[in-house]
Protein backbone atom coordinates (compact mmCIF):
# COMPACT_ATOMS: atom_id res chain seq x y z
CA MET A 1 116.38 111.92 73.23
CA ALA A 2 113.70 112.88 75.82
CA ILE A 3 110.87 111.31 73.84
CA ASP A 4 113.51 107.50 73.79
CA LYS A 5 113.72 108.96 78.20
CA HIS A 6 109.97 108.87 77.89
CA GLU A 7 109.22 106.09 76.10
CA GLN A 8 112.00 103.70 78.73
CA ILE A 9 110.53 105.42 81.46
CA ARG A 10 107.23 104.14 80.11
CA GLN A 11 108.24 100.90 79.68
CA ARG A 12 109.75 100.36 82.73
CA ALA A 13 106.52 101.68 84.30
CA TYR A 14 104.44 99.10 82.79
CA GLU A 15 107.32 96.27 84.00
CA ILE A 16 107.06 96.53 87.19
CA TRP A 17 103.41 97.09 86.95
CA GLU A 18 103.18 93.23 85.36
CA ALA A 19 105.30 91.72 88.45
CA GLU A 20 103.50 93.23 91.31
CA GLY A 21 100.10 91.40 89.42
CA ARG A 22 98.94 94.82 87.87
CA PRO A 23 97.33 96.45 90.11
CA ASP A 24 95.28 99.24 90.02
CA GLY A 25 95.99 103.13 91.33
CA ALA A 26 99.27 102.45 91.73
CA ASP A 27 100.64 104.34 87.93
CA HIS A 28 102.05 107.09 89.70
CA ARG A 29 103.67 104.54 92.17
CA HIS A 30 105.19 102.68 89.02
CA TRP A 31 106.38 105.65 87.75
CA LEU A 32 108.29 107.75 89.92
CA GLN A 33 110.37 103.83 90.49
CA ALA A 34 111.06 103.63 86.87
CA CYS A 35 112.10 107.09 87.30
CA ASP A 36 114.47 106.50 89.81
CA GLU A 37 116.23 103.30 88.45
CA LEU A 38 116.47 104.70 85.08
CA ALA A 39 118.06 108.01 86.19
CA GLY A 40 120.59 105.92 88.92
CA ALA A 41 121.03 105.84 92.27
CA ASP A 42 124.17 108.01 92.36
CA GLU A 43 121.55 110.42 91.11
CA HIS A 44 118.50 110.25 93.09
CA GLU A 45 117.47 109.03 96.79
CA THR A 46 114.60 106.41 95.39
CA LEU A 47 111.10 105.81 97.49
CA GLN A 48 112.67 102.77 99.57
CA ASN A 49 116.13 104.52 100.60
CA LEU A 50 113.87 107.79 101.88
CA LEU A 51 111.88 105.30 103.61
CA ASP A 52 114.71 102.99 105.19
CA GLU A 53 116.59 106.03 106.40
CA ASP A 54 112.82 107.34 108.37
CA ASP A 55 112.43 103.94 109.55
CA ARG A 56 116.58 104.70 111.06
CA ASP A 57 115.12 108.31 112.55
CA ASP A 58 111.83 106.88 114.25
CA ALA A 59 114.36 104.03 115.95
CA ALA A 60 116.71 106.19 117.33
CA LEU A 61 114.18 108.82 118.34
CA LEU A 62 112.25 105.59 120.19
CA GLN A 63 115.78 104.27 121.70
CA GLY A 64 116.47 107.95 123.11
CA THR A 65 113.35 107.72 125.22
CA GLY A 66 113.99 104.73 126.38
CA GLU A 67 112.01 101.96 123.33
CA SER A 68 113.38 99.40 121.52
CA GLY A 69 111.01 100.00 118.44
CA ASP A 70 109.85 96.58 118.68
CA PHE A 71 106.35 96.94 118.10
CA ASP A 72 105.73 92.98 118.01
CA ARG A 73 107.42 91.75 121.23
CA PRO A 74 104.34 91.17 123.90
CA ARG A 75 103.13 92.60 126.10
CA PRO A 76 102.43 92.60 129.68
CA ARG A 77 98.67 92.13 130.27
CA PRO A 78 96.80 94.61 132.92
CA VAL A 79 95.94 93.74 135.82
CA GLN A 80 92.36 93.85 136.31
CA ALA A 81 90.18 94.80 139.02
CA ALA A 82 87.52 91.90 140.74
CA LYS A 83 83.95 92.25 139.71
CA ALA A 84 81.98 93.15 141.47
CA PRO A 85 78.98 91.01 141.01
CA VAL A 86 75.54 91.97 139.27
CA PRO A 87 72.28 91.86 141.79
CA ASP A 88 69.34 89.62 140.01
CA ILE A 89 66.82 92.75 140.93
CA GLU A 90 65.32 95.16 138.56
CA MET A 91 65.04 98.96 139.68
CA THR A 92 62.40 100.94 139.13
CA THR A 93 60.91 104.21 140.46
CA GLY A 94 57.18 102.91 141.17
CA GLU A 95 55.21 103.93 138.19
CA LYS A 96 53.20 102.35 135.61
CA PRO A 97 54.57 102.59 132.24
CA PHE A 98 53.18 104.82 129.73
CA GLN A 99 50.34 103.32 127.63
CA ARG A 100 49.49 105.40 124.70
CA LYS A 101 45.50 104.83 123.91
CA VAL A 102 45.24 105.07 120.06
CA LYS A 103 42.00 107.00 118.82
CA LYS A 104 39.98 105.98 116.37
CA THR A 105 39.70 108.55 113.25
CA GLU A 106 36.84 108.04 110.41
CA GLY A 107 37.41 108.50 106.63
CA PRO A 108 39.86 106.18 104.56
């Protein structure tokens, strides 16, 4: 019986993998999704149900703080201060730049 269940999960995980375009590195997620589907929604919450519940919790928290939770809405542009004109002069210390002299060496 356990072998049949394992084979059913393996087959369903393979079907999910193929349906998603055979992505690399998603085998664990596919296995868990297959387990959830085969166990039935009444026994276990699926990953999607948990994500949906988390989104509802986040929305409730945002509404409690006065936010709408709509992250795609256009935001007002911040007011920018006027830019000061840049002078066309170069400020220096008055010292001559250091010039390193190369000493001649003997030998190869």
